[in-house]
């Protein structure tokens, strides 16, 4: 992913709300599966890491991205934004 594409996705992510929250139990297989299912309908997913989660949001983002075969767009504070291109129902057209 180029920096231009990443900047474009960051702009789109500003307007969406987190659809998942990671809490005290941190990253569970259920959360990973739910994120993976969300990529069936969304190409851009925002996740909130709650204050009671003791793990580093950057590490959580890297693990989720690896398990779901997606890309980390950004991690700001306790918000994670992930992108995975949907081959069948492409909604986001990335700049070249």
PDB file of N, CA and C in Angstrom:
ATOM      1  N   UNK A   1       0.846  -1.174   0.000  1.00  0.00           N
ATOM      2  CA  UNK A   1       0.000   0.000   0.000  1.00  0.00           C
ATOM      3  C   UNK A   1       0.896   1.242   0.000  1.00  0.00           C
ATOM      4  N   UNK A   2       0.595   2.163  -0.899  1.00  0.00           N
ATOM      5  CA  UNK A   2       1.397   3.380  -0.972  1.00  0.00           C
ATOM      6  C   UNK A   2       0.925   4.386   0.069  1.00  0.00           C
ATOM      7  N   UNK A   3       1.743   5.394   0.304  1.00  0.00           N
ATOM      8  CA  UNK A   3       1.370   6.421   1.288  1.00  0.00           C
ATOM      9  C   UNK A   3       0.151   7.214   0.809  1.00  0.00           C
ATOM     10  N   UNK A   4       0.010   7.367  -0.497  1.00  0.00           N
ATOM     11  CA  UNK A   4      -1.148   8.069  -1.044  1.00  0.00           C
ATOM     12  C   UNK A   4      -2.433   7.277  -0.780  1.00  0.00           C
ATOM     13  N   UNK A   5      -2.359   5.975  -0.958  1.00  0.00           N
ATOM     14  CA  UNK A   5      -3.518   5.119  -0.697  1.00  0.00           C
ATOM     15  C   UNK A   5      -3.853   5.110   0.794  1.00  0.00           C
ATOM     16  N   UNK A   6      -2.811   5.047   1.626  1.00  0.00           N
ATOM     17  CA  UNK A   6      -3.012   5.050   3.080  1.00  0.00           C
ATOM     18  C   UNK A   6      -3.673   6.361   3.522  1.00  0.00           C
ATOM     19  N   UNK A   7      -3.228   7.477   2.971  1.00  0.00           N
ATOM     20  CA  UNK A   7      -3.803   8.779   3.315  1.00  0.00           C
ATOM     21  C   UNK A   7      -5.276   8.849   2.892  1.00  0.00           C
ATOM     22  N   UNK A   8      -5.587   8.288   1.735  1.00  0.00           N
ATOM     23  CA  UNK A   8      -6.966   8.259   1.253  1.00  0.00           C
ATOM     24  C   UNK A   8      -7.855   7.458   2.206  1.00  0.00           C
ATOM     25  N   UNK A   9      -7.362   6.279   2.630  1.00  0.00           N
ATOM     26  CA  UNK A   9      -8.129   5.440   3.545  1.00  0.00           C
ATOM     27  C   UNK A   9      -8.287   6.089   4.917  1.00  0.00           C
ATOM     28  N   UNK A  10      -7.265   6.805   5.376  1.00  0.00           N
ATOM     29  CA  UNK A  10      -7.359   7.526   6.654  1.00  0.00           C
ATOM     30  C   UNK A  10      -8.478   8.555   6.585  1.00  0.00           C
ATOM     31  N   UNK A  11      -8.579   9.239   5.458  1.00  0.00           N
ATOM     32  CA  UNK A  11      -9.641  10.237   5.272  1.00  0.00           C
ATOM     33  C   UNK A  11     -11.025   9.597   5.323  1.00  0.00           C
ATOM     34  N   UNK A  12     -11.160   8.428   4.704  1.00  0.00           N
ATOM     35  CA  UNK A  12     -12.446   7.728   4.737  1.00  0.00           C
ATOM     36  C   UNK A  12     -12.767   7.232   6.148  1.00  0.00           C
ATOM     37  N   UNK A  13     -11.742   6.802   6.874  1.00  0.00           N
ATOM     38  CA  UNK A  13     -11.940   6.234   8.211  1.00  0.00           C
ATOM     39  C   UNK A  13     -12.371   7.283   9.229  1.00  0.00           C
ATOM     40  N   UNK A  14     -12.081   8.547   8.963  1.00  0.00           N
ATOM     41  CA  UNK A  14     -12.464   9.601   9.910  1.00  0.00           C
ATOM     42  C   UNK A  14     -13.970   9.660  10.097  1.00  0.00           C
ATOM     43  N   UNK A  15     -14.723   9.287   9.073  1.00  0.00           N
ATOM     44  CA  UNK A  15     -16.175   9.432   9.102  1.00  0.00           C
ATOM     45  C   UNK A  15     -16.924   8.182   9.554  1.00  0.00           C
ATOM     46  N   UNK A  16     -16.211   7.107   9.869  1.00  0.00           N
ATOM     47  CA  UNK A  16     -16.917   5.900  10.301  1.00  0.00           C
ATOM     48  C   UNK A  16     -16.723   5.677  11.801  1.00  0.00           C
ATOM     49  N   UNK A  17     -17.690   5.012  12.397  1.00  0.00           N
ATOM     50  CA  UNK A  17     -17.633   4.693  13.821  1.00  0.00           C
ATOM     51  C   UNK A  17     -17.041   3.301  14.008  1.00  0.00           C
ATOM     52  N   UNK A  18     -16.419   3.060  15.165  1.00  0.00           N
ATOM     53  CA  UNK A  18     -15.903   1.708  15.429  1.00  0.00           C
ATOM     54  C   UNK A  18     -17.046   0.690  15.461  1.00  0.00           C
ATOM     55  N   UNK A  19     -16.829  -0.458  14.830  1.00  0.00           N
ATOM     56  CA  UNK A  19     -17.863  -1.484  14.839  1.00  0.00           C
ATOM     57  C   UNK A  19     -17.525  -2.614  15.808  1.00  0.00           C
ATOM     58  N   UNK A  20     -16.315  -2.580  16.368  1.00  0.00           N
ATOM     59  CA  UNK A  20     -15.917  -3.562  17.377  1.00  0.00           C
ATOM     60  C   UNK A  20     -15.220  -2.867  18.522  1.00  0.00           C
ATOM     61  N   UNK A  21     -15.328  -3.482  19.705  1.00  0.00           N
ATOM     62  CA  UNK A  21     -14.607  -3.000  20.879  1.00  0.00           C
ATOM     63  C   UNK A  21     -13.840  -4.171  21.475  1.00  0.00           C
ATOM     64  N   UNK A  22     -12.590  -3.913  21.803  1.00  0.00           N
ATOM     65  CA  UNK A  22     -11.768  -4.933  22.439  1.00  0.00           C
ATOM     66  C   UNK A  22     -11.589  -4.512  23.888  1.00  0.00           C
ATOM     67  N   UNK A  23     -12.007  -5.380  24.795  1.00  0.00           N
ATOM     68  CA  UNK A  23     -12.012  -5.029  26.214  1.00  0.00           C
ATOM     69  C   UNK A  23     -11.016  -5.818  27.036  1.00  0.00           C
ATOM     70  N   UNK A  24     -11.397  -6.087  28.267  1.00  0.00           N
ATOM     71  CA  UNK A  24     -10.520  -6.695  29.270  1.00  0.00           C
ATOM     72  C   UNK A  24      -9.941  -8.038  28.824  1.00  0.00           C
ATOM     73  N   UNK A  25     -10.730  -8.838  28.114  1.00  0.00           N
ATOM     74  CA  UNK A  25     -10.241 -10.157  27.701  1.00  0.00           C
ATOM     75  C   UNK A  25      -9.323 -10.083  26.485  1.00  0.00           C
ATOM     76  N   UNK A  26      -9.068  -8.878  25.988  1.00  0.00           N
ATOM     77  CA  UNK A  26      -8.155  -8.612  24.882  1.00  0.00           C
ATOM     78  C   UNK A  26      -8.614  -9.315  23.615  1.00  0.00           C
ATOM     79  N   UNK A  27      -7.682  -9.809  22.843  1.00  0.00           N
ATOM     80  CA  UNK A  27      -7.988 -10.380  21.533  1.00  0.00           C
ATOM     81  C   UNK A  27      -8.337 -11.861  21.671  1.00  0.00           C
ATOM     82  N   UNK A  28      -9.611 -12.171  21.493  1.00  0.00           N
ATOM     83  CA  UNK A  28     -10.072 -13.551  21.580  1.00  0.00           C
ATOM     84  C   UNK A  28     -10.323 -14.079  20.164  1.00  0.00           C
ATOM     85  N   UNK A  29     -10.384 -15.392  20.006  1.00  0.00           N
ATOM     86  CA  UNK A  29     -10.708 -15.946  18.672  1.00  0.00           C
ATOM     87  C   UNK A  29     -12.061 -15.461  18.156  1.00  0.00           C
ATOM     88  N   UNK A  30     -13.003 -15.211  19.077  1.00  0.00           N
ATOM     89  CA  UNK A  30     -14.320 -14.727  18.654  1.00  0.00           C
ATOM     90  C   UNK A  30     -14.221 -13.333  18.018  1.00  0.00           C
ATOM     91  N   UNK A  31     -13.401 -12.471  18.607  1.00  0.00           N
ATOM     92  CA  UNK A  31     -13.218 -11.124  18.049  1.00  0.00           C
ATOM     93  C   UNK A  31     -12.580 -11.226  16.666  1.00  0.00           C
ATOM     94  N   UNK A  32     -11.560 -12.063  16.545  1.00  0.00           N
ATOM     95  CA  UNK A  32     -10.886 -12.240  15.258  1.00  0.00           C
ATOM     96  C   UNK A  32     -11.864 -12.746  14.201  1.00  0.00           C
ATOM     97  N   UNK A  33     -12.690 -13.720  14.559  1.00  0.00           N
ATOM     98  CA  UNK A  33     -13.674 -14.249  13.610  1.00  0.00           C
ATOM     99  C   UNK A  33     -14.713 -13.205  13.236  1.00  0.00           C
ATOM    100  N   UNK A  34     -15.126 -12.389  14.198  1.00  0.00           N
ATOM    101  CA  UNK A  34     -16.109 -11.340  13.926  1.00  0.00           C
ATOM    102  C   UNK A  34     -15.537 -10.295  12.969  1.00  0.00           C
ATOM    103  N   UNK A  35     -14.277  -9.935  13.153  1.00  0.00           N
ATOM    104  CA  UNK A  35     -13.629  -8.973  12.252  1.00  0.00           C
ATOM    105  C   UNK A  35     -13.524  -9.576  10.856  1.00  0.00           C
ATOM    106  N   UNK A  36     -13.157 -10.841  10.792  1.00  0.00           N
ATOM    107  CA  UNK A  36     -13.052 -11.525   9.499  1.00  0.00           C
ATOM    108  C   UNK A  36     -14.393 -11.538   8.772  1.00  0.00           C
ATOM    109  N   UNK A  37     -15.481 -11.778   9.506  1.00  0.00           N
ATOM    110  CA  UNK A  37     -16.818 -11.757   8.909  1.00  0.00           C
ATOM    111  C   UNK A  37     -17.208 -10.344   8.476  1.00  0.00           C
ATOM    112  N   UNK A  38     -16.762  -9.341   9.228  1.00  0.00           N
ATOM    113  CA  UNK A  38     -17.088  -7.952   8.876  1.00  0.00           C
ATOM    114  C   UNK A  38     -16.471  -7.568   7.538  1.00  0.00           C
ATOM    115  N   UNK A  39     -15.335  -8.174   7.207  1.00  0.00           N
ATOM    116  CA  UNK A  39     -14.701  -7.871   5.922  1.00  0.00           C
ATOM    117  C   UNK A  39     -15.508  -8.403   4.741  1.00  0.00           C
ATOM    118  N   UNK A  40     -16.521  -9.234   4.991  1.00  0.00           N
ATOM    119  CA  UNK A  40     -17.403  -9.678   3.908  1.00  0.00           C
ATOM    120  C   UNK A  40     -18.291  -8.542   3.421  1.00  0.00           C
ATOM    121  N   UNK A  41     -18.619  -7.617   4.330  1.00  0.00           N
ATOM    122  CA  UNK A  41     -19.510  -6.512   3.964  1.00  0.00           C
ATOM    123  C   UNK A  41     -18.816  -5.154   3.968  1.00  0.00           C
ATOM    124  N   UNK A  42     -17.715  -5.030   4.694  1.00  0.00           N
ATOM    125  CA  UNK A  42     -16.984  -3.765   4.772  1.00  0.00           C
ATOM    126  C   UNK A  42     -15.551  -3.972   4.298  1.00  0.00           C
ATOM    127  N   UNK A  43     -15.012  -2.986   3.622  1.00  0.00           N
ATOM    128  CA  UNK A  43     -13.592  -3.059   3.258  1.00  0.00           C
ATOM    129  C   UNK A  43     -12.736  -2.332   4.294  1.00  0.00           C
ATOM    130  N   UNK A  44     -13.342  -1.369   4.969  1.00  0.00           N
ATOM    131  CA  UNK A  44     -12.641  -0.569   5.966  1.00  0.00           C
ATOM    132  C   UNK A  44     -13.324  -0.780   7.320  1.00  0.00           C
ATOM    133  N   UNK A  45     -12.551  -1.235   8.311  1.00  0.00           N
ATOM    134  CA  UNK A  45     -13.107  -1.561   9.627  1.00  0.00           C
ATOM    135  C   UNK A  45     -12.356  -0.774  10.688  1.00  0.00           C
ATOM    136  N   UNK A  46     -13.128  -0.145  11.586  1.00  0.00           N
ATOM    137  CA  UNK A  46     -12.529   0.587  12.706  1.00  0.00           C
ATOM    138  C   UNK A  46     -12.850  -0.158  13.991  1.00  0.00           C
ATOM    139  N   UNK A  47     -11.823  -0.304  14.832  1.00  0.00           N
ATOM    140  CA  UNK A  47     -11.950  -1.041  16.090  1.00  0.00           C
ATOM    141  C   UNK A  47     -11.506  -0.134  17.231  1.00  0.00           C
ATOM    142  N   UNK A  48     -12.264  -0.138  18.313  1.00  0.00           N
ATOM    143  CA  UNK A  48     -11.901   0.633  19.509  1.00  0.00           C
ATOM    144  C   UNK A  48     -11.331  -0.320  20.549  1.00  0.00           C
ATOM    145  N   UNK A  49     -10.207   0.063  21.139  1.00  0.00           N
ATOM    146  CA  UNK A  49      -9.621  -0.705  22.240  1.00  0.00           C
ATOM    147  C   UNK A  49      -9.985   0.039  23.516  1.00  0.00           C
ATOM    148  N   UNK A  50     -10.703  -0.638  24.401  1.00  0.00           N
ATOM    149  CA  UNK A  50     -11.179   0.004  25.625  1.00  0.00           C
ATOM    150  C   UNK A  50     -10.053   0.212  26.632  1.00  0.00           C
ATOM    151  N   UNK A  51     -10.278   1.111  27.574  1.00  0.00           N
ATOM    152  CA  UNK A  51      -9.251   1.450  28.572  1.00  0.00           C
ATOM    153  C   UNK A  51      -8.889   0.281  29.472  1.00  0.00           C
ATOM    154  N   UNK A  52      -9.834  -0.662  29.680  1.00  0.00           N
ATOM    155  CA  UNK A  52      -9.538  -1.787  30.558  1.00  0.00           C
ATOM    156  C   UNK A  52      -8.732  -2.891  29.868  1.00  0.00           C
ATOM    157  N   UNK A  53      -8.392  -2.702  28.596  1.00  0.00           N
ATOM    158  CA  UNK A  53      -7.536  -3.649  27.880  1.00  0.00           C
ATOM    159  C   UNK A  53      -6.084  -3.228  28.102  1.00  0.00           C
ATOM    160  N   UNK A  54      -5.281  -4.128  28.646  1.00  0.00           N
ATOM    161  CA  UNK A  54      -3.904  -3.789  29.005  1.00  0.00           C
ATOM    162  C   UNK A  54      -2.910  -3.984  27.865  1.00  0.00           C
ATOM    163  N   UNK A  55      -3.341  -4.576  26.753  1.00  0.00           N
ATOM    164  CA  UNK A  55      -2.428  -4.827  25.639  1.00  0.00           C
ATOM    165  C   UNK A  55      -2.249  -3.580  24.782  1.00  0.00           C
ATOM    166  N   UNK A  56      -1.121  -3.519  24.090  1.00  0.00           N
ATOM    167  CA  UNK A  56      -0.796  -2.386  23.224  1.00  0.00           C
ATOM    168  C   UNK A  56      -1.652  -2.446  21.954  1.00  0.00           C
ATOM    169  N   UNK A  57      -2.350  -1.355  21.619  1.00  0.00           N
ATOM    170  CA  UNK A  57      -3.193  -1.352  20.420  1.00  0.00           C
ATOM    171  C   UNK A  57      -2.420  -1.660  19.132  1.00  0.00           C
ATOM    172  N   UNK A  58      -1.151  -1.243  19.058  1.00  0.00           N
ATOM    173  CA  UNK A  58      -0.355  -1.532  17.854  1.00  0.00           C
ATOM    174  C   UNK A  58      -0.114  -3.034  17.699  1.00  0.00           C
ATOM    175  N   UNK A  59       0.138  -3.705  18.806  1.00  0.00           N
ATOM    176  CA  UNK A  59       0.344  -5.159  18.760  1.00  0.00           C
ATOM    177  C   UNK A  59      -0.960  -5.867  18.391  1.00  0.00           C
ATOM    178  N   UNK A  60      -2.062  -5.407  18.968  1.00  0.00           N
ATOM    179  CA  UNK A  60      -3.370  -5.990  18.650  1.00  0.00           C
ATOM    180  C   UNK A  60      -3.663  -5.818  17.157  1.00  0.00           C
ATOM    181  N   UNK A  61      -3.398  -4.625  16.623  1.00  0.00           N
ATOM    182  CA  UNK A  61      -3.643  -4.349  15.203  1.00  0.00           C
ATOM    183  C   UNK A  61      -2.814  -5.278  14.319  1.00  0.00           C
ATOM    184  N   UNK A  62      -1.550  -5.476  14.680  1.00  0.00           N
ATOM    185  CA  UNK A  62      -0.678  -6.342  13.886  1.00  0.00           C
ATOM    186  C   UNK A  62      -1.168  -7.785  13.895  1.00  0.00           C
ATOM    187  N   UNK A  63      -1.614  -8.260  15.053  1.00  0.00           N
ATOM    188  CA  UNK A  63      -2.094  -9.641  15.161  1.00  0.00           C
ATOM    189  C   UNK A  63      -3.396  -9.826  14.373  1.00  0.00           C
ATOM    190  N   UNK A  64      -4.328  -8.880  14.506  1.00  0.00           N
ATOM    191  CA  UNK A  64      -5.598  -8.987  13.766  1.00  0.00           C
ATOM    192  C   UNK A  64      -5.330  -8.947  12.266  1.00  0.00           C
ATOM    193  N   UNK A  65      -4.460  -8.043  11.835  1.00  0.00           N
ATOM    194  CA  UNK A  65      -4.154  -7.918  10.410  1.00  0.00           C
ATOM    195  C   UNK A  65      -3.549  -9.212   9.871  1.00  0.00           C
ATOM    196  N   UNK A  66      -2.673  -9.816  10.657  1.00  0.00           N
ATOM    197  CA  UNK A  66      -2.049 -11.071  10.231  1.00  0.00           C
ATOM    198  C   UNK A  66      -3.082 -12.191  10.138  1.00  0.00           C
ATOM    199  N   UNK A  67      -3.948 -12.289  11.129  1.00  0.00           N
ATOM    200  CA  UNK A  67      -4.936 -13.378  11.161  1.00  0.00           C
ATOM    201  C   UNK A  67      -6.041 -13.218  10.126  1.00  0.00           C
ATOM    202  N   UNK A  68      -6.375 -11.973   9.769  1.00  0.00           N
ATOM    203  CA  UNK A  68      -7.460 -11.733   8.807  1.00  0.00           C
ATOM    204  C   UNK A  68      -6.932 -11.430   7.406  1.00  0.00           C
ATOM    205  N   UNK A  69      -5.629 -11.418   7.236  1.00  0.00           N
ATOM    206  CA  UNK A  69      -4.988 -11.109   5.953  1.00  0.00           C
ATOM    207  C   UNK A  69      -5.389  -9.725   5.452  1.00  0.00           C
ATOM    208  N   UNK A  70      -5.448  -8.774   6.376  1.00  0.00           N
ATOM    209  CA  UNK A  70      -5.785  -7.393   6.040  1.00  0.00           C
ATOM    210  C   UNK A  70      -4.562  -6.513   6.271  1.00  0.00           C
ATOM    211  N   UNK A  71      -4.734  -5.204   6.068  1.00  0.00           N
ATOM    212  CA  UNK A  71      -3.635  -4.262   6.257  1.00  0.00           C
ATOM    213  C   UNK A  71      -4.019  -3.232   7.308  1.00  0.00           C
ATOM    214  N   UNK A  72      -3.044  -2.875   8.143  1.00  0.00           N
ATOM    215  CA  UNK A  72      -3.266  -1.833   9.142  1.00  0.00           C
ATOM    216  C   UNK A  72      -3.132  -0.490   8.431  1.00  0.00           C
ATOM    217  N   UNK A  73      -4.192   0.300   8.465  1.00  0.00           N
ATOM    218  CA  UNK A  73      -4.154   1.638   7.871  1.00  0.00           C
ATOM    219  C   UNK A  73      -3.535   2.600   8.874  1.00  0.00           C
ATOM    220  N   UNK A  74      -4.039   2.556  10.110  1.00  0.00           N
ATOM    221  CA  UNK A  74      -3.497   3.429  11.150  1.00  0.00           C
ATOM    222  C   UNK A  74      -3.914   2.951  12.526  1.00  0.00           C
ATOM    223  N   UNK A  75      -3.116   3.345  13.498  1.00  0.00           N
ATOM    224  CA  UNK A  75      -3.458   3.143  14.905  1.00  0.00           C
ATOM    225  C   UNK A  75      -3.228   4.487  15.575  1.00  0.00           C
ATOM    226  N   UNK A  76      -4.314   5.107  16.031  1.00  0.00           N
ATOM    227  CA  UNK A  76      -4.205   6.386  16.732  1.00  0.00           C
ATOM    228  C   UNK A  76      -4.800   6.187  18.111  1.00  0.00           C
ATOM    229  N   UNK A  77      -3.966   6.337  19.120  1.00  0.00           N
ATOM    230  CA  UNK A  77      -4.438   6.138  20.486  1.00  0.00           C
ATOM    231  C   UNK A  77      -4.967   4.731  20.653  1.00  0.00           C
ATOM    232  N   UNK A  78      -6.260   4.622  20.908  1.00  0.00           N
ATOM    233  CA  UNK A  78      -6.875   3.306  21.111  1.00  0.00           C
ATOM    234  C   UNK A  78      -7.833   2.952  19.976  1.00  0.00           C
ATOM    235  N   UNK A  79      -7.636   3.547  18.811  1.00  0.00           N
ATOM    236  CA  UNK A  79      -8.455   3.251  17.632  1.00  0.00           C
ATOM    237  C   UNK A  79      -7.580   2.590  16.567  1.00  0.00           C
ATOM    238  N   UNK A  80      -8.100   1.514  16.005  1.00  0.00           N
ATOM    239  CA  UNK A  80      -7.402   0.755  14.963  1.00  0.00           C
ATOM    240  C   UNK A  80      -8.251   0.800  13.698  1.00  0.00           C
ATOM    241  N   UNK A  81      -7.607   1.054  12.560  1.00  0.00           N
ATOM    242  CA  UNK A  81      -8.306   1.026  11.283  1.00  0.00           C
ATOM    243  C   UNK A  81      -7.619  -0.018  10.398  1.00  0.00           C
ATOM    244  N   UNK A  82      -8.423  -0.958   9.880  1.00  0.00           N
ATOM    245  CA  UNK A  82      -7.920  -2.028   9.026  1.00  0.00           C
ATOM    246  C   UNK A  82      -8.605  -1.970   7.665  1.00  0.00           C
ATOM    247  N   UNK A  83      -7.875  -2.393   6.630  1.00  0.00           N
ATOM    248  CA  UNK A  83      -8.416  -2.421   5.273  1.00  0.00           C
ATOM    249  C   UNK A  83      -8.154  -3.789   4.651  1.00  0.00           C
ATOM    250  N   UNK A  84      -9.179  -4.310   4.006  1.00  0.00           N
ATOM    251  CA  UNK A  84      -9.023  -5.532   3.232  1.00  0.00           C
ATOM    252  C   UNK A  84      -9.868  -5.392   1.978  1.00  0.00           C
ATOM    253  N   UNK A  85      -9.225  -5.519   0.836  1.00  0.00           N
ATOM    254  CA  UNK A  85      -9.923  -5.373  -0.435  1.00  0.00           C
ATOM    255  C   UNK A  85     -10.899  -6.529  -0.624  1.00  0.00           C
ATOM    256  N   UNK A  86     -12.116  -6.191  -1.026  1.00  0.00           N
ATOM    257  CA  UNK A  86     -13.139  -7.195  -1.296  1.00  0.00           C
ATOM    258  C   UNK A  86     -13.217  -7.363  -2.809  1.00  0.00           C
ATOM    259  N   UNK A  87     -12.782  -8.506  -3.293  1.00  0.00           N
ATOM    260  CA  UNK A  87     -12.721  -8.748  -4.742  1.00  0.00           C
ATOM    261  C   UNK A  87     -14.112  -8.772  -5.384  1.00  0.00           C
ATOM    262  N   UNK A  88     -15.105  -9.304  -4.656  1.00  0.00           N
ATOM    263  CA  UNK A  88     -16.442  -9.456  -5.221  1.00  0.00           C
ATOM    264  C   UNK A  88     -17.245  -8.163  -5.208  1.00  0.00           C
ATOM    265  N   UNK A  89     -17.249  -7.462  -4.078  1.00  0.00           N
ATOM    266  CA  UNK A  89     -18.064  -6.259  -3.907  1.00  0.00           C
ATOM    267  C   UNK A  89     -17.160  -5.082  -3.574  1.00  0.00           C
ATOM    268  N   UNK A  90     -16.404  -4.615  -4.553  1.00  0.00           N
ATOM    269  CA  UNK A  90     -15.441  -3.539  -4.328  1.00  0.00           C
ATOM    270  C   UNK A  90     -16.177  -2.213  -4.197  1.00  0.00           C
ATOM    271  N   UNK A  91     -16.029  -1.567  -3.037  1.00  0.00           N
ATOM    272  CA  UNK A  91     -16.692  -0.286  -2.770  1.00  0.00           C
ATOM    273  C   UNK A  91     -15.703   0.857  -2.781  1.00  0.00           C
ATOM    274  N   UNK A  92     -14.471   0.584  -2.363  1.00  0.00           N
ATOM    275  CA  UNK A  92     -13.454   1.629  -2.254  1.00  0.00           C
ATOM    276  C   UNK A  92     -12.466   1.493  -3.397  1.00  0.00           C
ATOM    277  N   UNK A  93     -12.352   2.553  -4.182  1.00  0.00           N
ATOM    278  CA  UNK A  93     -11.401   2.580  -5.285  1.00  0.00           C
ATOM    279  C   UNK A  93     -10.171   3.352  -4.837  1.00  0.00           C
ATOM    280  N   UNK A  94      -9.068   2.651  -4.671  1.00  0.00           N
ATOM    281  CA  UNK A  94      -7.840   3.292  -4.189  1.00  0.00           C
ATOM    282  C   UNK A  94      -7.165   4.074  -5.301  1.00  0.00           C
ATOM    283  N   UNK A  95      -6.582   5.243  -4.969  1.00  0.00           N
ATOM    284  CA  UNK A  95      -5.809   5.971  -5.979  1.00  0.00           C
ATOM    285  C   UNK A  95      -4.545   5.187  -6.337  1.00  0.00           C
ATOM    286  N   UNK A  96      -4.059   5.353  -7.519  1.00  0.00           N
ATOM    287  CA  UNK A  96      -2.856   4.631  -7.974  1.00  0.00           C
ATOM    288  C   UNK A  96      -1.589   5.242  -7.440  1.00  0.00           C
TER     289      UNK A  96
END
